[in-house]
Protein backbone atom coordinates (compact mmCIF):
# COMPACT_ATOMS: atom_id res chain seq x y z
CA MET A 1 7.00 73.14 -34.30
CA ALA A 2 4.32 73.27 -31.66
CA ASP A 3 5.09 73.57 -27.99
CA GLN A 4 4.94 70.52 -25.73
CA ALA A 5 1.99 71.81 -23.73
CA ARG A 6 -0.13 72.11 -26.86
CA ALA A 7 0.86 68.60 -27.95
CA ARG A 8 -0.12 67.20 -24.54
CA ARG A 9 -3.49 69.00 -24.62
CA LEU A 10 -4.17 67.75 -28.14
CA ALA A 11 -3.19 64.19 -27.17
CA LYS A 12 -5.53 64.28 -24.21
CA ARG A 13 -8.35 65.61 -26.38
CA ILE A 14 -7.71 62.95 -29.04
CA ALA A 15 -7.88 60.22 -26.39
CA GLN A 16 -11.22 61.59 -25.17
CA ILE A 17 -12.65 61.87 -28.68
CA VAL A 18 -11.56 58.37 -29.71
CA ALA A 19 -12.90 56.83 -26.49
CA SER A 20 -16.22 58.58 -26.91
CA ALA A 21 -16.43 57.65 -30.59
CA LEU A 22 -15.69 53.99 -29.86
CA GLU A 23 -18.46 53.96 -27.30
CA HIS A 24 -21.13 55.89 -29.19
CA ASP A 25 -20.36 56.34 -32.90
CA VAL A 26 -18.55 53.22 -34.15
CA LYS A 27 -20.94 50.28 -34.18
CA ASP A 28 -18.48 47.37 -34.38
CA PRO A 29 -19.09 44.59 -31.83
CA ARG A 30 -15.36 43.78 -31.78
CA LEU A 31 -14.77 47.16 -30.12
CA ALA A 32 -17.08 46.52 -27.16
CA MET A 33 -14.35 45.79 -24.60
CA VAL A 34 -11.79 48.45 -25.64
CA THR A 35 -10.43 51.02 -23.23
CA VAL A 36 -8.36 53.94 -24.49
CA THR A 37 -5.55 54.39 -21.98
CA ASP A 38 -3.37 57.14 -23.46
CA ALA A 39 -2.48 59.10 -26.57
CA LYS A 40 0.78 60.64 -27.72
CA VAL A 41 1.19 63.28 -30.41
CA THR A 42 4.43 64.06 -32.20
CA ALA A 43 5.96 67.50 -31.74
CA ASP A 44 4.79 68.64 -35.18
CA LEU A 45 1.19 67.51 -34.41
CA ARG A 46 1.11 65.35 -37.56
CA GLU A 47 0.89 61.87 -36.03
CA ALA A 48 -0.99 60.57 -33.03
CA THR A 49 -0.53 57.21 -31.36
CA VAL A 50 -3.51 55.98 -29.35
CA PHE A 51 -2.84 53.29 -26.74
CA TYR A 52 -5.64 50.90 -25.82
CA THR A 53 -6.32 47.77 -23.79
CA VAL A 54 -8.73 44.94 -24.52
CA PHE A 55 -10.43 42.67 -22.05
CA GLY A 56 -10.11 39.15 -23.40
CA ASP A 57 -7.70 36.68 -24.94
CA ASP A 58 -5.37 36.87 -27.96
CA ALA A 59 -8.23 36.27 -30.40
CA ASP A 60 -10.04 39.31 -28.97
CA HIS A 61 -6.83 41.34 -29.31
CA ALA A 62 -6.49 40.41 -32.97
CA GLY A 63 -10.15 41.16 -33.72
CA THR A 64 -9.92 44.50 -31.96
CA ALA A 65 -6.76 45.45 -33.87
CA ALA A 66 -8.52 44.64 -37.15
CA ALA A 67 -11.62 46.62 -36.15
CA LEU A 68 -9.53 49.63 -35.16
CA ALA A 69 -7.61 49.46 -38.44
CA SER A 70 -10.86 49.43 -40.40
CA SER A 71 -12.36 52.32 -38.44
CA THR A 72 -9.26 54.56 -38.48
CA GLY A 73 -10.67 56.80 -41.21
CA VAL A 74 -13.94 57.41 -39.39
CA LEU A 75 -12.12 58.09 -36.14
CA ARG A 76 -9.69 60.48 -37.83
CA SER A 77 -12.52 62.46 -39.41
CA LEU A 78 -14.25 62.70 -36.01
CA VAL A 79 -11.02 63.89 -34.43
CA GLY A 80 -10.68 66.52 -37.15
CA GLN A 81 -14.24 67.75 -36.67
CA ARG A 82 -14.07 67.90 -32.88
CA THR A 83 -10.59 69.37 -32.41
CA GLY A 84 -10.65 72.12 -34.99
CA VAL A 85 -6.94 71.89 -35.79
CA ARG A 86 -5.70 72.89 -39.23
CA PHE A 87 -4.17 69.48 -39.97
CA THR A 88 -5.81 66.40 -38.53
CA PRO A 89 -3.14 64.02 -37.24
CA THR A 90 -2.93 60.51 -38.61
CA LEU A 91 -3.99 57.92 -36.07
CA SER A 92 -2.19 54.72 -35.21
CA PHE A 93 -3.35 52.30 -32.55
CA VAL A 94 -1.00 50.39 -30.26
CA LEU A 95 -1.97 47.73 -27.74
CA ASP A 96 -0.90 49.04 -24.33
CA ALA A 97 1.61 46.78 -22.57
CA VAL A 98 1.10 48.30 -19.11
CA PRO A 99 -1.48 45.72 -17.86
CA ASP A 100 0.75 42.80 -18.88
CA THR A 101 3.77 44.41 -17.29
CA ALA A 102 1.82 45.09 -14.10
CA ARG A 103 0.69 41.46 -13.99
CA GLN A 104 4.31 40.28 -14.38
CA VAL A 105 5.46 42.61 -11.60
CA GLU A 106 2.69 41.30 -9.32
CA GLU A 107 3.79 37.71 -10.02
CA LEU A 108 7.42 38.56 -9.27
CA LEU A 109 6.43 40.29 -6.02
CA ALA A 110 4.40 37.23 -4.98
CA LYS A 111 7.41 34.97 -5.68
CA ALA A 112 9.70 37.27 -3.68
CA GLN A 113 7.25 37.31 -0.78
CA ALA A 114 7.06 33.50 -0.80
CA ALA A 115 10.86 33.27 -0.86
CA ASP A 116 11.10 35.73 2.05
CA ALA A 117 8.60 33.65 4.02
CA ASP A 118 10.70 30.51 3.39
CA VAL A 119 13.86 32.26 4.55
CA ALA A 120 12.09 33.53 7.69
CA ARG A 121 10.77 30.03 8.41
CA ILE A 122 14.24 28.52 8.05
CA ALA A 123 15.86 31.28 10.12
CA SER A 124 13.38 30.94 12.98
CA GLY A 125 14.93 27.67 14.19
CA ALA A 126 18.53 28.53 13.34
CA LYS A 127 21.31 28.79 15.90
CA PRO A 128 24.58 30.67 15.54
CA ALA A 129 27.38 28.58 14.03
CA GLY A 130 30.02 29.74 16.50
CA ASP A 131 29.95 31.13 20.00
CA ALA A 132 26.87 32.77 21.33
CA ASP A 133 28.83 36.06 21.50
CA PRO A 134 31.24 36.03 18.55
CA TYR A 135 32.79 39.46 19.16
CA ARG A 136 36.29 39.81 20.63
CA LYS A 137 36.56 41.37 23.99
CA PRO A 138 39.59 42.87 25.66
CA ARG A 139 41.46 40.36 27.71
CA GLU A 140 40.81 40.65 31.38
CA VAL A 141 43.92 40.92 33.46
CA ASP A 142 44.12 38.56 36.39
CA GLU A 143 45.38 40.03 39.63
CA ASP A 144 47.90 37.22 39.97
CA GLU A 145 49.62 38.25 36.74
CA SER A 146 50.27 41.85 37.72
């Protein structure tokens, strides 16, 4: 088993190599709008998962996934040449869900902000339901009663 620091360094290097290869070496037009966001390597350095994002709609996502699947062999051989490790890890590509999750969080925050603004608008003209000073106070003793 390799140590975690070596696995992180190899993952970072694989992400750099794949991003560079997609930009310069692989000549597939379906890979024009791909961004490599991260890479993870297993502890035994045998498998690497490369996370990517695609600018476009679902059809672009499907075309990019097919293009990456067809160019996996070329990318793996480039990774093997440029890393110099004894065993070149197998590559798998996963569409990164972080941009979609971030978009959903932004939408939820906008809804919460709108709801807070509605509550503030309603509360601005509100009056207390009971007395103006609802707290109990000690009874004042009249001088006649003592």
